[in-house]
Every structure is written in structure tokens, then in C-alpha cells.
């Protein structure tokens, strides 16, 4: 979970599960260009005496970058940053 979320700011410990939701927003600029933003909502779950609780955590940006890199590679056929 530490790959996708900053855990040092989280009060809860004893994580039992994690999940993330990716949101992709595409804004057309002109006929051949678009702006794409990718955001991840990362949540961790703890199981305590009062039951399960999901806590939203700050993303490290890894999930967003991985998704965007895969999207670029699938659309262009080349790995981002490499000719």
C-alpha cells in the first residue's frame, strides 16, 4: 500500500485492505490534441472493535503515472520518454 499512498500521514494502523479509484478527464484542445488528467483516490481499510472503516489517504502519484504511461503506450505504440 505504501507504493500508492503516503502512510506517514495516516493515523490508523493495521491495514487489512486497500483500494483505489482512477478518474480520467479528457479535454479536447483542437482536432488533434487533448489534455488528459488522471487522479487516484486511495483508501485503506482497518478492522477495529467498532467494525471496518475506510480511510482516504494521500496518493503518491504512482497509480496515476502508471495509468498514464500505459495509456500513452497503447495509443502511440511507444513507451513515454523513449523515441
Protein backbone atom coordinates (compact mmCIF):
# COMPACT_ATOMS: atom_id res chain seq x y z
CA UNK A 1 0.00 0.00 0.00
CA UNK A 2 2.92 2.34 0.62
CA UNK A 3 3.61 2.33 -3.14
CA UNK A 4 0.31 4.10 -3.84
CA UNK A 5 -0.35 6.10 -0.64
CA UNK A 6 1.57 8.24 1.83
CA UNK A 7 1.16 6.28 5.04
CA UNK A 8 3.19 8.53 7.32
CA UNK A 9 0.26 10.98 7.47
CA UNK A 10 -2.33 8.31 8.33
CA UNK A 11 -3.39 7.87 11.96
CA UNK A 12 -4.74 4.34 11.53
CA UNK A 13 -2.59 1.22 11.53
CA UNK A 14 -3.19 -2.43 10.91
CA UNK A 15 -4.39 -2.05 7.34
CA UNK A 16 -6.37 -5.07 6.16
CA UNK A 17 -7.25 -3.95 2.62
CA UNK A 18 -6.62 -1.21 0.13
CA UNK A 19 -8.41 0.10 -2.94
CA UNK A 20 -8.04 2.89 -5.40
CA UNK A 21 -10.29 4.56 -7.93
CA UNK A 22 -8.85 6.15 -11.07
CA UNK A 23 -10.62 9.17 -12.58
CA UNK A 24 -9.62 10.22 -16.10
CA UNK A 25 -10.65 13.58 -17.54
CA UNK A 26 -10.11 14.39 -21.22
CA UNK A 27 -10.42 17.93 -22.57
CA UNK A 28 -10.20 18.44 -26.34
CA UNK A 29 -7.94 21.34 -27.31
CA UNK A 30 -8.33 21.13 -31.08
CA UNK A 31 -8.83 18.45 -33.74
CA UNK A 32 -5.56 16.68 -32.92
CA UNK A 33 -4.71 17.50 -29.30
CA UNK A 34 -6.21 16.87 -25.88
CA UNK A 35 -5.36 17.50 -22.25
CA UNK A 36 -5.67 14.39 -20.08
CA UNK A 37 -5.67 14.42 -16.29
CA UNK A 38 -5.54 11.30 -14.16
CA UNK A 39 -6.37 11.27 -10.44
CA UNK A 40 -6.39 8.39 -7.97
CA UNK A 41 -8.42 8.19 -4.78
CA UNK A 42 -6.56 5.78 -2.50
CA UNK A 43 -8.28 4.24 0.53
CA UNK A 44 -7.07 1.89 3.25
CA UNK A 45 -9.26 -0.24 5.49
CA UNK A 46 -8.80 -1.07 9.14
CA UNK A 47 -10.86 -3.55 11.14
CA UNK A 48 -11.37 -2.31 14.67
CA UNK A 49 -13.67 -3.04 17.58
CA UNK A 50 -16.40 -0.89 16.05
CA UNK A 51 -16.12 -2.57 12.64
CA UNK A 52 -14.43 -1.89 9.34
CA UNK A 53 -13.50 1.66 8.41
CA UNK A 54 -12.18 3.01 5.08
CA UNK A 55 -9.79 5.96 5.33
CA UNK A 56 -8.86 8.17 2.36
CA UNK A 57 -5.09 8.53 2.04
CA UNK A 58 -2.89 10.92 0.07
CA UNK A 59 -1.76 9.44 -3.24
CA UNK A 60 1.95 9.15 -4.05
CA UNK A 61 1.15 9.69 -7.75
CA UNK A 62 2.39 6.23 -8.76
CA UNK A 63 -1.03 4.86 -9.77
CA UNK A 64 -1.71 7.95 -11.88
CA UNK A 65 1.68 7.79 -13.60
CA UNK A 66 1.39 4.04 -14.26
CA UNK A 67 -2.05 4.51 -15.81
CA UNK A 68 -0.96 7.47 -17.94
CA UNK A 69 2.17 5.63 -19.15
CA UNK A 70 0.09 2.59 -20.17
CA UNK A 71 -2.42 4.83 -21.95
CA UNK A 72 0.33 6.61 -23.92
CA UNK A 73 1.95 3.31 -24.85
CA UNK A 74 -1.36 1.84 -26.06
CA UNK A 75 -2.27 4.92 -28.09
CA UNK A 76 1.13 5.71 -29.60
CA UNK A 77 2.81 2.29 -29.58
CA UNK A 78 5.90 3.64 -27.81
CA UNK A 79 6.95 3.96 -24.19
CA UNK A 80 6.70 7.53 -22.82
CA UNK A 81 10.03 9.30 -22.82
CA UNK A 82 11.56 6.96 -25.40
CA UNK A 83 11.60 7.67 -29.15
